[in-house]
Amino acid sequence: MDFELSTDAKGEAVAIWRLPYSARLGSSVRSKGIFQFVGLRLPASARKSLNVKGGELTFTLSEDEDAEPLIGAVSKALEGIENRPILPREIEDILSIKSSERHRWLKDGRLPSAGTKTVKLRGRARKITFHVFDPRVVEDLLDRDAVLEWREQDAIAAAERRRQAVWNRRKRRTEAGAALSAPESRVEGWEALKRLGLL
C-alpha cells in the first residue's frame, strides 16, 4: 500500500498510510485491529512509533534508525488488508450489533462464518476458538441493511412465541379446570345413588 511522508505537530517526520473504506468498513474497532495486526509484524522496539487515528496509520521516523525497512514492513503488512478476516468485536462495531445477535444469527445461518481462528491468550495456557467473517460478505450486509431486516424478523418471531405461550397457558388452565370439575360430578353421582336408596 502506498504511503506519504509528512511532518507532525512536533516537527517530526511521519509516514502515513490512509486505510481505504473497504479495509475499515467505517469502524474504528476494525482500524485498531488492523493497527494491532501491523504492529505484530514490526520489531518490538519500533511498535511504539506506529499509531492509528481516524482511519490513518502513522509511523514516526526516528533519526537514529534506518526507517526504510520499517516502512517497507508496514507497507507489506497492509497489502491486501481489505481481505483480512473480520473478528467478532469488529463485526459487532461495523454492523452495530450486540454479541447476542451475532451468536443468534451465526447459529441460524443468517450471518455466514468464513471459518474459525484459534488464538492463545497472553499469559494464559488456554486457547480460544472463534468465528471470523468475510469482509466482502459483511460489506454486502451493511449495504443492504440486512441487520434491520433480521431484527424485524426476530421481532415477529418473538411476538409469535409470546402468542403461543399465552395459548399454552390458557390451554393448561382449561385442562386444570376440567380436572377440578370431575370430582364434583362424582359427588353428584353419589348423591343420586343415596336418593335412590342404593347406598
N, C-alpha and C. Protein backbone atom coordinates (compact mmCIF):
# COMPACT_ATOMS: atom_id res chain seq x y z
N MET A 1 0.85 -1.19 0.00
CA MET A 1 0.00 0.00 0.00
C MET A 1 0.89 1.24 0.00
N ASP A 2 0.50 2.25 -0.75
CA ASP A 2 1.28 3.48 -0.85
C ASP A 2 1.19 4.29 0.45
N PHE A 3 2.22 5.07 0.70
CA PHE A 3 2.24 5.96 1.86
C PHE A 3 2.71 7.32 1.41
N GLU A 4 2.53 8.28 2.30
CA GLU A 4 3.05 9.62 2.02
C GLU A 4 3.83 10.10 3.24
N LEU A 5 4.80 10.93 3.00
CA LEU A 5 5.62 11.48 4.08
C LEU A 5 5.08 12.85 4.46
N SER A 6 5.08 13.13 5.76
CA SER A 6 4.58 14.40 6.25
C SER A 6 5.36 14.77 7.52
N THR A 7 4.95 15.87 8.13
CA THR A 7 5.56 16.31 9.39
C THR A 7 4.46 16.51 10.40
N ASP A 8 4.65 15.99 11.61
CA ASP A 8 3.60 16.13 12.63
C ASP A 8 3.75 17.46 13.37
N ALA A 9 2.90 17.66 14.40
CA ALA A 9 2.87 18.93 15.14
C ALA A 9 4.18 19.20 15.87
N LYS A 10 4.92 18.14 16.17
CA LYS A 10 6.21 18.30 16.86
C LYS A 10 7.36 18.52 15.89
N GLY A 11 7.04 18.54 14.60
CA GLY A 11 8.08 18.73 13.59
C GLY A 11 8.80 17.46 13.21
N GLU A 12 8.27 16.31 13.67
CA GLU A 12 8.91 15.03 13.35
C GLU A 12 8.35 14.48 12.04
N ALA A 13 9.20 13.80 11.30
CA ALA A 13 8.79 13.21 10.04
C ALA A 13 7.95 11.95 10.31
N VAL A 14 6.86 11.81 9.58
CA VAL A 14 5.99 10.64 9.74
C VAL A 14 5.60 10.10 8.37
N ALA A 15 5.46 8.79 8.31
CA ALA A 15 4.92 8.14 7.11
C ALA A 15 3.45 7.85 7.41
N ILE A 16 2.58 8.12 6.44
CA ILE A 16 1.13 7.98 6.63
C ILE A 16 0.56 7.04 5.58
N TRP A 17 -0.22 6.07 6.06
CA TRP A 17 -0.97 5.17 5.18
C TRP A 17 -2.45 5.43 5.43
N ARG A 18 -3.19 5.79 4.41
CA ARG A 18 -4.63 6.03 4.56
C ARG A 18 -5.37 4.73 4.28
N LEU A 19 -6.02 4.20 5.31
CA LEU A 19 -6.72 2.93 5.17
C LEU A 19 -8.00 3.14 4.36
N PRO A 20 -8.20 2.38 3.27
CA PRO A 20 -9.39 2.56 2.45
C PRO A 20 -10.64 2.08 3.20
N TYR A 21 -11.80 2.59 2.75
CA TYR A 21 -13.07 2.19 3.38
C TYR A 21 -13.26 0.68 3.31
N SER A 22 -12.85 0.08 2.20
CA SER A 22 -13.03 -1.37 2.03
C SER A 22 -12.26 -2.16 3.08
N ALA A 23 -11.25 -1.54 3.70
CA ALA A 23 -10.48 -2.20 4.76
C ALA A 23 -11.11 -1.92 6.13
N ARG A 24 -11.54 -0.67 6.35
CA ARG A 24 -12.06 -0.26 7.66
C ARG A 24 -13.55 -0.52 7.82
N LEU A 25 -14.29 -0.41 6.71
CA LEU A 25 -15.76 -0.52 6.72
C LEU A 25 -16.38 0.43 7.74
N GLY A 26 -15.77 1.60 7.88
CA GLY A 26 -16.32 2.63 8.75
C GLY A 26 -16.17 2.36 10.24
N SER A 27 -15.32 1.41 10.62
CA SER A 27 -15.22 1.00 12.02
C SER A 27 -13.88 1.39 12.64
N SER A 28 -13.94 2.10 13.76
CA SER A 28 -12.70 2.44 14.49
C SER A 28 -12.12 1.18 15.14
N VAL A 29 -12.99 0.24 15.51
CA VAL A 29 -12.52 -1.02 16.10
C VAL A 29 -11.75 -1.82 15.05
N ARG A 30 -12.26 -1.83 13.82
CA ARG A 30 -11.57 -2.51 12.71
C ARG A 30 -10.22 -1.83 12.44
N SER A 31 -10.19 -0.50 12.46
CA SER A 31 -8.93 0.23 12.25
C SER A 31 -7.92 -0.14 13.32
N LYS A 32 -8.38 -0.24 14.57
CA LYS A 32 -7.48 -0.62 15.66
C LYS A 32 -6.99 -2.06 15.49
N GLY A 33 -7.87 -2.93 14.99
CA GLY A 33 -7.47 -4.31 14.73
C GLY A 33 -6.38 -4.39 13.67
N ILE A 34 -6.51 -3.56 12.63
CA ILE A 34 -5.50 -3.50 11.58
C ILE A 34 -4.18 -2.98 12.15
N PHE A 35 -4.28 -1.96 12.99
CA PHE A 35 -3.10 -1.39 13.66
C PHE A 35 -2.37 -2.47 14.47
N GLN A 36 -3.12 -3.28 15.22
CA GLN A 36 -2.51 -4.34 16.02
C GLN A 36 -1.89 -5.41 15.12
N PHE A 37 -2.60 -5.74 14.03
CA PHE A 37 -2.11 -6.73 13.07
C PHE A 37 -0.77 -6.29 12.49
N VAL A 38 -0.68 -5.02 12.09
CA VAL A 38 0.55 -4.49 11.50
C VAL A 38 1.66 -4.41 12.56
N GLY A 39 1.30 -3.97 13.76
CA GLY A 39 2.28 -3.82 14.83
C GLY A 39 3.00 -5.12 15.16
N LEU A 40 2.28 -6.23 15.08
CA LEU A 40 2.88 -7.53 15.37
C LEU A 40 3.92 -7.94 14.33
N ARG A 41 3.93 -7.26 13.20
CA ARG A 41 4.89 -7.58 12.14
C ARG A 41 6.10 -6.64 12.14
N LEU A 42 6.19 -5.83 13.19
CA LEU A 42 7.33 -4.93 13.36
C LEU A 42 8.17 -5.38 14.54
N PRO A 43 9.44 -5.02 14.56
CA PRO A 43 10.25 -5.32 15.75
C PRO A 43 9.64 -4.61 16.97
N ALA A 44 9.76 -5.24 18.12
CA ALA A 44 9.16 -4.68 19.35
C ALA A 44 9.60 -3.24 19.59
N SER A 45 10.86 -2.93 19.28
CA SER A 45 11.39 -1.59 19.52
C SER A 45 10.75 -0.53 18.63
N ALA A 46 10.18 -0.95 17.49
CA ALA A 46 9.61 0.00 16.54
C ALA A 46 8.10 0.19 16.71
N ARG A 47 7.46 -0.68 17.49
CA ARG A 47 5.99 -0.63 17.61
C ARG A 47 5.48 0.67 18.22
N LYS A 48 6.27 1.25 19.13
CA LYS A 48 5.82 2.50 19.78
C LYS A 48 5.74 3.66 18.79
N SER A 49 6.39 3.52 17.64
CA SER A 49 6.36 4.58 16.63
C SER A 49 5.14 4.50 15.72
N LEU A 50 4.39 3.39 15.84
CA LEU A 50 3.20 3.19 15.00
C LEU A 50 1.96 3.66 15.74
N ASN A 51 1.10 4.39 15.05
CA ASN A 51 -0.15 4.89 15.64
C ASN A 51 -1.28 4.78 14.63
N VAL A 52 -2.52 4.83 15.16
CA VAL A 52 -3.69 4.84 14.29
C VAL A 52 -4.65 5.91 14.79
N LYS A 53 -5.21 6.65 13.86
CA LYS A 53 -6.19 7.68 14.21
C LYS A 53 -6.98 8.06 12.97
N GLY A 54 -8.31 8.02 13.13
CA GLY A 54 -9.17 8.46 12.03
C GLY A 54 -8.95 7.75 10.71
N GLY A 55 -8.70 6.46 10.76
CA GLY A 55 -8.53 5.71 9.52
C GLY A 55 -7.16 5.86 8.88
N GLU A 56 -6.21 6.38 9.64
CA GLU A 56 -4.85 6.53 9.13
C GLU A 56 -3.86 5.83 10.06
N LEU A 57 -2.93 5.10 9.46
CA LEU A 57 -1.79 4.56 10.22
C LEU A 57 -0.63 5.52 10.02
N THR A 58 0.03 5.86 11.11
CA THR A 58 1.20 6.73 11.00
C THR A 58 2.39 6.05 11.66
N PHE A 59 3.54 6.30 11.11
CA PHE A 59 4.78 5.75 11.67
C PHE A 59 5.77 6.90 11.80
N THR A 60 6.12 7.22 13.04
CA THR A 60 7.06 8.32 13.29
C THR A 60 8.48 7.85 12.98
N LEU A 61 9.17 8.62 12.14
CA LEU A 61 10.51 8.24 11.70
C LEU A 61 11.56 8.77 12.68
N SER A 62 12.36 7.87 13.16
CA SER A 62 13.42 8.24 14.10
C SER A 62 14.71 8.49 13.35
N GLU A 63 15.42 9.50 13.83
CA GLU A 63 16.69 9.85 13.17
C GLU A 63 17.78 8.82 13.43
N ASP A 64 17.64 8.09 14.55
CA ASP A 64 18.72 7.17 14.92
C ASP A 64 18.49 5.73 14.45
N GLU A 65 17.53 5.51 13.53
CA GLU A 65 17.37 4.16 12.99
C GLU A 65 17.01 4.24 11.51
N ASP A 66 17.31 3.17 10.80
CA ASP A 66 17.02 3.12 9.37
C ASP A 66 15.53 2.86 9.19
N ALA A 67 14.83 3.87 8.74
CA ALA A 67 13.37 3.79 8.65
C ALA A 67 12.89 3.01 7.42
N GLU A 68 13.72 2.93 6.41
CA GLU A 68 13.27 2.32 5.15
C GLU A 68 12.76 0.89 5.31
N PRO A 69 13.49 -0.01 5.98
CA PRO A 69 12.96 -1.37 6.12
C PRO A 69 11.69 -1.43 6.98
N LEU A 70 11.55 -0.51 7.94
CA LEU A 70 10.35 -0.49 8.79
C LEU A 70 9.14 -0.02 7.98
N ILE A 71 9.33 1.00 7.16
CA ILE A 71 8.26 1.49 6.29
C ILE A 71 7.87 0.38 5.31
N GLY A 72 8.87 -0.32 4.81
CA GLY A 72 8.61 -1.44 3.91
C GLY A 72 7.81 -2.54 4.59
N ALA A 73 8.11 -2.80 5.87
CA ALA A 73 7.40 -3.84 6.62
C ALA A 73 5.93 -3.46 6.82
N VAL A 74 5.67 -2.17 7.10
CA VAL A 74 4.28 -1.71 7.27
C VAL A 74 3.54 -1.83 5.95
N SER A 75 4.16 -1.35 4.87
CA SER A 75 3.51 -1.41 3.55
C SER A 75 3.20 -2.85 3.15
N LYS A 76 4.13 -3.76 3.44
CA LYS A 76 3.92 -5.17 3.09
C LYS A 76 2.78 -5.76 3.92
N ALA A 77 2.72 -5.42 5.22
CA ALA A 77 1.65 -5.94 6.08
C ALA A 77 0.28 -5.44 5.63
N LEU A 78 0.26 -4.25 5.00
CA LEU A 78 -1.02 -3.67 4.56
C LEU A 78 -1.47 -4.14 3.18
N GLU A 79 -0.63 -4.92 2.51
CA GLU A 79 -1.03 -5.45 1.20
C GLU A 79 -2.22 -6.39 1.35
N GLY A 80 -3.29 -6.11 0.64
CA GLY A 80 -4.48 -6.95 0.71
C GLY A 80 -5.20 -6.89 2.05
N ILE A 81 -4.99 -5.82 2.81
CA ILE A 81 -5.56 -5.72 4.16
C ILE A 81 -7.09 -5.72 4.13
N GLU A 82 -7.67 -5.29 3.00
CA GLU A 82 -9.14 -5.27 2.90
C GLU A 82 -9.73 -6.68 2.90
N ASN A 83 -8.87 -7.69 2.68
CA ASN A 83 -9.34 -9.09 2.68
C ASN A 83 -9.07 -9.80 4.01
N ARG A 84 -8.47 -9.10 4.98
CA ARG A 84 -8.21 -9.70 6.29
C ARG A 84 -9.54 -10.06 6.94
N PRO A 85 -9.69 -11.30 7.41
CA PRO A 85 -10.96 -11.71 8.04
C PRO A 85 -11.37 -10.77 9.17
N ILE A 86 -12.66 -10.58 9.30
CA ILE A 86 -13.21 -9.69 10.33
C ILE A 86 -13.42 -10.47 11.62
N LEU A 87 -12.94 -9.92 12.72
CA LEU A 87 -13.05 -10.55 14.03
C LEU A 87 -14.41 -10.24 14.67
N PRO A 88 -14.83 -11.03 15.66
CA PRO A 88 -16.14 -10.81 16.29
C PRO A 88 -16.37 -9.39 16.79
N ARG A 89 -15.40 -8.83 17.53
CA ARG A 89 -15.62 -7.48 18.07
C ARG A 89 -15.69 -6.44 16.94
N GLU A 90 -15.01 -6.74 15.80
CA GLU A 90 -15.04 -5.82 14.67
C GLU A 90 -16.39 -5.85 13.97
N ILE A 91 -16.94 -7.05 13.76
CA ILE A 91 -18.22 -7.14 13.06
C ILE A 91 -19.34 -6.52 13.90
N GLU A 92 -19.23 -6.65 15.22
CA GLU A 92 -20.24 -6.03 16.09
C GLU A 92 -20.22 -4.52 15.94
N ASP A 93 -19.03 -3.94 15.79
CA ASP A 93 -18.93 -2.49 15.62
C ASP A 93 -19.36 -2.08 14.21
N ILE A 94 -18.95 -2.83 13.21
CA ILE A 94 -19.29 -2.49 11.82
C ILE A 94 -20.80 -2.51 11.61
N LEU A 95 -21.47 -3.56 12.10
CA LEU A 95 -22.91 -3.72 11.89
C LEU A 95 -23.75 -3.12 13.02
N SER A 96 -23.09 -2.60 14.06
CA SER A 96 -23.79 -2.06 15.24
C SER A 96 -24.74 -3.09 15.83
N ILE A 97 -24.19 -4.26 16.14
CA ILE A 97 -25.00 -5.35 16.70
C ILE A 97 -24.45 -5.77 18.06
N LYS A 98 -25.30 -6.46 18.83
CA LYS A 98 -24.89 -6.98 20.14
C LYS A 98 -24.28 -8.37 19.96
N SER A 99 -23.52 -8.79 20.96
CA SER A 99 -22.93 -10.14 20.93
C SER A 99 -24.01 -11.20 20.83
N SER A 100 -25.13 -11.00 21.52
CA SER A 100 -26.22 -11.98 21.49
C SER A 100 -26.80 -12.11 20.09
N GLU A 101 -26.90 -10.99 19.37
CA GLU A 101 -27.40 -11.02 17.99
C GLU A 101 -26.41 -11.75 17.09
N ARG A 102 -25.12 -11.46 17.27
CA ARG A 102 -24.10 -12.14 16.46
C ARG A 102 -24.19 -13.65 16.66
N HIS A 103 -24.29 -14.09 17.91
CA HIS A 103 -24.37 -15.53 18.20
C HIS A 103 -25.64 -16.14 17.60
N ARG A 104 -26.77 -15.45 17.75
CA ARG A 104 -28.05 -15.98 17.24
C ARG A 104 -28.04 -16.10 15.72
N TRP A 105 -27.58 -15.04 15.05
CA TRP A 105 -27.60 -15.04 13.58
C TRP A 105 -26.54 -15.96 12.99
N LEU A 106 -25.44 -16.15 13.72
CA LEU A 106 -24.43 -17.11 13.30
C LEU A 106 -25.00 -18.52 13.41
N LYS A 107 -25.70 -18.78 14.51
CA LYS A 107 -26.26 -20.12 14.75
C LYS A 107 -27.34 -20.47 13.74
N ASP A 108 -28.19 -19.51 13.37
CA ASP A 108 -29.29 -19.84 12.43
C ASP A 108 -28.89 -19.66 10.96
N GLY A 109 -27.63 -19.30 10.71
CA GLY A 109 -27.13 -19.26 9.34
C GLY A 109 -27.28 -17.94 8.61
N ARG A 110 -27.93 -16.96 9.23
CA ARG A 110 -28.09 -15.68 8.54
C ARG A 110 -26.77 -14.93 8.42
N LEU A 111 -25.89 -15.11 9.43
CA LEU A 111 -24.58 -14.47 9.42
C LEU A 111 -23.55 -15.56 9.10
N PRO A 112 -23.12 -15.66 7.84
CA PRO A 112 -22.23 -16.76 7.46
C PRO A 112 -20.80 -16.60 8.00
N SER A 113 -20.27 -17.68 8.51
CA SER A 113 -18.90 -17.70 9.01
C SER A 113 -17.93 -17.94 7.86
N ALA A 114 -16.76 -17.33 7.95
CA ALA A 114 -15.71 -17.57 6.95
C ALA A 114 -14.67 -18.54 7.50
N GLY A 115 -15.02 -19.20 8.61
CA GLY A 115 -14.10 -20.14 9.23
C GLY A 115 -13.86 -19.78 10.68
N THR A 116 -12.91 -20.44 11.28
CA THR A 116 -12.60 -20.17 12.68
C THR A 116 -11.11 -19.85 12.84
N LYS A 117 -10.82 -19.19 13.94
CA LYS A 117 -9.44 -18.84 14.27
C LYS A 117 -9.21 -19.22 15.72
N THR A 118 -8.06 -19.82 16.00
CA THR A 118 -7.71 -20.20 17.37
C THR A 118 -6.50 -19.38 17.81
N VAL A 119 -6.62 -18.76 18.96
CA VAL A 119 -5.51 -17.96 19.50
C VAL A 119 -5.28 -18.33 20.95
N LYS A 120 -4.05 -18.12 21.38
CA LYS A 120 -3.70 -18.32 22.79
C LYS A 120 -3.67 -16.97 23.46
N LEU A 121 -4.45 -16.83 24.52
CA LEU A 121 -4.49 -15.55 25.23
C LEU A 121 -3.17 -15.31 25.95
N ARG A 122 -2.75 -14.06 25.92
CA ARG A 122 -1.48 -13.71 26.54
C ARG A 122 -1.49 -14.02 28.04
N GLY A 123 -0.48 -14.75 28.48
CA GLY A 123 -0.36 -15.07 29.89
C GLY A 123 -1.24 -16.22 30.36
N ARG A 124 -1.93 -16.86 29.41
CA ARG A 124 -2.80 -17.99 29.78
C ARG A 124 -2.44 -19.21 28.96
N ALA A 125 -2.67 -20.38 29.55
CA ALA A 125 -2.37 -21.62 28.84
C ALA A 125 -3.50 -22.00 27.89
N ARG A 126 -4.71 -21.52 28.20
CA ARG A 126 -5.88 -21.91 27.42
C ARG A 126 -5.94 -21.19 26.07
N LYS A 127 -6.39 -21.92 25.06
CA LYS A 127 -6.61 -21.33 23.74
C LYS A 127 -8.10 -21.11 23.54
N ILE A 128 -8.45 -20.11 22.75
CA ILE A 128 -9.87 -19.89 22.43
C ILE A 128 -10.04 -19.93 20.91
N THR A 129 -11.18 -20.44 20.49
CA THR A 129 -11.51 -20.52 19.06
C THR A 129 -12.78 -19.71 18.82
N PHE A 130 -12.78 -18.92 17.76
CA PHE A 130 -13.94 -18.10 17.44
C PHE A 130 -14.12 -18.01 15.93
N HIS A 131 -15.32 -17.62 15.51
CA HIS A 131 -15.62 -17.47 14.08
C HIS A 131 -15.11 -16.13 13.58
N VAL A 132 -14.66 -16.13 12.32
CA VAL A 132 -14.29 -14.89 11.64
C VAL A 132 -15.20 -14.75 10.41
N PHE A 133 -15.19 -13.54 9.82
CA PHE A 133 -16.15 -13.24 8.76
C PHE A 133 -15.47 -12.62 7.55
N ASP A 134 -16.05 -12.90 6.38
CA ASP A 134 -15.53 -12.40 5.11
C ASP A 134 -15.88 -10.91 4.97
N PRO A 135 -14.88 -10.05 4.79
CA PRO A 135 -15.16 -8.61 4.68
C PRO A 135 -16.14 -8.24 3.57
N ARG A 136 -16.09 -8.95 2.44
CA ARG A 136 -16.99 -8.60 1.34
C ARG A 136 -18.44 -9.00 1.66
N VAL A 137 -18.60 -10.10 2.38
CA VAL A 137 -19.95 -10.51 2.81
C VAL A 137 -20.49 -9.49 3.80
N VAL A 138 -19.65 -9.07 4.74
CA VAL A 138 -20.06 -8.09 5.75
C VAL A 138 -20.40 -6.76 5.09
N GLU A 139 -19.61 -6.36 4.09
CA GLU A 139 -19.88 -5.11 3.37
C GLU A 139 -21.23 -5.18 2.67
N ASP A 140 -21.55 -6.35 2.09
CA ASP A 140 -22.84 -6.53 1.43
C ASP A 140 -23.99 -6.44 2.44
N LEU A 141 -23.82 -7.06 3.61
CA LEU A 141 -24.85 -6.99 4.67
C LEU A 141 -25.06 -5.55 5.10
N LEU A 142 -23.97 -4.80 5.18
CA LEU A 142 -24.03 -3.39 5.58
C LEU A 142 -24.76 -2.57 4.51
N ASP A 143 -24.43 -2.81 3.25
CA ASP A 143 -25.01 -2.04 2.14
C ASP A 143 -26.51 -2.25 2.00
N ARG A 144 -26.99 -3.47 2.29
CA ARG A 144 -28.42 -3.74 2.09
C ARG A 144 -29.23 -3.73 3.39
N ASP A 145 -28.64 -3.17 4.45
CA ASP A 145 -29.34 -3.04 5.74
C ASP A 145 -29.93 -4.36 6.21
N ALA A 146 -29.17 -5.44 6.08
CA ALA A 146 -29.65 -6.77 6.46
C ALA A 146 -30.00 -6.84 7.94
N VAL A 147 -29.25 -6.13 8.77
CA VAL A 147 -29.49 -6.19 10.22
C VAL A 147 -30.89 -5.70 10.56
N LEU A 148 -31.33 -4.63 9.91
CA LEU A 148 -32.68 -4.09 10.13
C LEU A 148 -33.74 -5.14 9.80
N GLU A 149 -33.54 -5.81 8.67
CA GLU A 149 -34.47 -6.87 8.25
C GLU A 149 -34.48 -8.03 9.25
N TRP A 150 -33.29 -8.42 9.72
CA TRP A 150 -33.20 -9.54 10.67
C TRP A 150 -33.86 -9.20 11.99
N ARG A 151 -33.70 -7.95 12.42
CA ARG A 151 -34.33 -7.54 13.68
C ARG A 151 -35.85 -7.56 13.56
N GLU A 152 -36.36 -7.16 12.39
CA GLU A 152 -37.81 -7.22 12.16
C GLU A 152 -38.30 -8.67 12.19
N GLN A 153 -37.53 -9.56 11.55
CA GLN A 153 -37.89 -10.99 11.55
C GLN A 153 -37.89 -11.53 12.98
N ASP A 154 -36.90 -11.13 13.77
CA ASP A 154 -36.80 -11.61 15.15
C ASP A 154 -37.96 -11.09 15.99
N ALA A 155 -38.37 -9.83 15.73
CA ALA A 155 -39.49 -9.25 16.49
C ALA A 155 -40.78 -10.00 16.18
N ILE A 156 -40.99 -10.35 14.90
CA ILE A 156 -42.19 -11.11 14.51
C ILE A 156 -42.17 -12.49 15.16
N ALA A 157 -41.00 -13.14 15.14
CA ALA A 157 -40.86 -14.47 15.74
C ALA A 157 -41.10 -14.42 17.24
N ALA A 158 -40.59 -13.36 17.90
CA ALA A 158 -40.78 -13.22 19.35
C ALA A 158 -42.25 -13.01 19.68
N ALA A 159 -42.94 -12.20 18.87
CA ALA A 159 -44.38 -11.97 19.09
C ALA A 159 -45.16 -13.26 18.93
N GLU A 160 -44.78 -14.07 17.94
CA GLU A 160 -45.44 -15.36 17.73
C GLU A 160 -45.19 -16.30 18.91
N ARG A 161 -43.97 -16.29 19.43
CA ARG A 161 -43.66 -17.12 20.60
C ARG A 161 -44.49 -16.70 21.81
N ARG A 162 -44.67 -15.36 21.96
CA ARG A 162 -45.49 -14.87 23.08
C ARG A 162 -46.94 -15.30 22.93
N ARG A 163 -47.46 -15.21 21.69
CA ARG A 163 -48.85 -15.65 21.45
C ARG A 163 -49.00 -17.14 21.74
N GLN A 164 -48.02 -17.91 21.33
CA GLN A 164 -48.06 -19.36 21.57
C GLN A 164 -48.01 -19.66 23.06
N ALA A 165 -47.19 -18.91 23.79
CA ALA A 165 -47.08 -19.11 25.24
C ALA A 165 -48.39 -18.78 25.94
N VAL A 166 -49.08 -17.70 25.50
CA VAL A 166 -50.38 -17.34 26.08
C VAL A 166 -51.39 -18.44 25.80
N TRP A 167 -51.41 -18.95 24.57
CA TRP A 167 -52.35 -20.02 24.20
C TRP A 167 -52.09 -21.27 25.04
N ASN A 168 -50.81 -21.60 25.23
CA ASN A 168 -50.45 -22.78 26.04
C ASN A 168 -50.90 -22.61 27.49
N ARG A 169 -50.73 -21.38 28.03
CA ARG A 169 -51.17 -21.14 29.41
C ARG A 169 -52.68 -21.29 29.54
N ARG A 170 -53.42 -20.74 28.58
CA ARG A 170 -54.89 -20.86 28.60
C ARG A 170 -55.32 -22.32 28.49
N LYS A 171 -54.63 -23.05 27.63
CA LYS A 171 -54.96 -24.46 27.46
C LYS A 171 -54.74 -25.23 28.76
N ARG A 172 -53.59 -24.93 29.42
CA ARG A 172 -53.31 -25.62 30.69
C ARG A 172 -54.34 -25.27 31.75
N ARG A 173 -54.77 -23.98 31.80
CA ARG A 173 -55.78 -23.57 32.77
C ARG A 173 -57.11 -24.27 32.51
N THR A 174 -57.48 -24.39 31.22
CA THR A 174 -58.73 -25.06 30.85
C THR A 174 -58.69 -26.53 31.26
N GLU A 175 -57.54 -27.16 30.97
CA GLU A 175 -57.40 -28.57 31.33
C GLU A 175 -57.41 -28.76 32.84
N ALA A 176 -56.79 -27.82 33.57
CA ALA A 176 -56.78 -27.89 35.03
C ALA A 176 -58.19 -27.70 35.58
N GLY A 177 -58.96 -26.79 34.96
CA GLY A 177 -60.34 -26.56 35.38
C GLY A 177 -61.20 -27.78 35.15
N ALA A 178 -60.99 -28.46 34.03
CA ALA A 178 -61.77 -29.68 33.74
C ALA A 178 -61.44 -30.77 34.74
N ALA A 179 -60.16 -30.86 35.13
CA ALA A 179 -59.76 -31.87 36.10
C ALA A 179 -60.38 -31.59 37.46
N LEU A 180 -60.51 -30.30 37.81
CA LEU A 180 -61.11 -29.95 39.10
C LEU A 180 -62.61 -30.21 39.13
N SER A 181 -63.28 -30.06 37.99
CA SER A 181 -64.73 -30.25 37.96
C SER A 181 -65.12 -31.72 37.96
N ALA A 182 -64.20 -32.59 37.59
CA ALA A 182 -64.51 -34.02 37.54
C ALA A 182 -64.92 -34.59 38.89
N PRO A 183 -64.25 -34.30 39.99
CA PRO A 183 -64.68 -34.83 41.30
C PRO A 183 -66.07 -34.38 41.68
N GLU A 184 -66.45 -33.15 41.29
CA GLU A 184 -67.79 -32.67 41.60
C GLU A 184 -68.84 -33.56 40.94
N SER A 185 -68.57 -34.01 39.73
CA SER A 185 -69.51 -34.90 39.03
C SER A 185 -69.65 -36.19 39.80
N ARG A 186 -68.53 -36.67 40.32
CA ARG A 186 -68.60 -37.91 41.08
C ARG A 186 -69.42 -37.73 42.35
N VAL A 187 -69.29 -36.59 43.00
CA VAL A 187 -70.05 -36.32 44.23
C VAL A 187 -71.54 -36.29 43.91
N GLU A 188 -71.91 -35.60 42.80
CA GLU A 188 -73.32 -35.56 42.42
C GLU A 188 -73.84 -36.97 42.13
N GLY A 189 -73.02 -37.80 41.57
CA GLY A 189 -73.41 -39.18 41.30
C GLY A 189 -73.71 -39.96 42.58
N TRP A 190 -72.89 -39.74 43.58
CA TRP A 190 -73.10 -40.41 44.88
C TRP A 190 -74.41 -39.95 45.50
N GLU A 191 -74.70 -38.64 45.39
CA GLU A 191 -75.95 -38.12 45.97
C GLU A 191 -77.16 -38.74 45.28
N ALA A 192 -77.10 -38.95 43.98
CA ALA A 192 -78.21 -39.58 43.24
C ALA A 192 -78.42 -41.02 43.71
N LEU A 193 -77.33 -41.69 43.94
CA LEU A 193 -77.46 -43.07 44.43
C LEU A 193 -78.08 -43.13 45.81
N LYS A 194 -77.74 -42.13 46.66
CA LYS A 194 -78.32 -42.07 48.00
C LYS A 194 -79.83 -41.86 47.90
N ARG A 195 -80.24 -40.92 47.01
CA ARG A 195 -81.70 -40.64 46.88
C ARG A 195 -82.47 -41.88 46.44
N LEU A 196 -81.82 -42.68 45.63
CA LEU A 196 -82.49 -43.90 45.15
C LEU A 196 -82.45 -45.01 46.18
N GLY A 197 -81.77 -44.74 47.30
CA GLY A 197 -81.67 -45.74 48.33
C GLY A 197 -80.76 -46.88 48.02
N LEU A 198 -79.89 -46.66 47.10
CA LEU A 198 -78.96 -47.74 46.73
C LEU A 198 -77.70 -47.72 47.59
N LEU A 199 -77.56 -46.71 48.45
CA LEU A 199 -76.41 -46.68 49.36
C LEU A 199 -76.88 -46.78 50.79
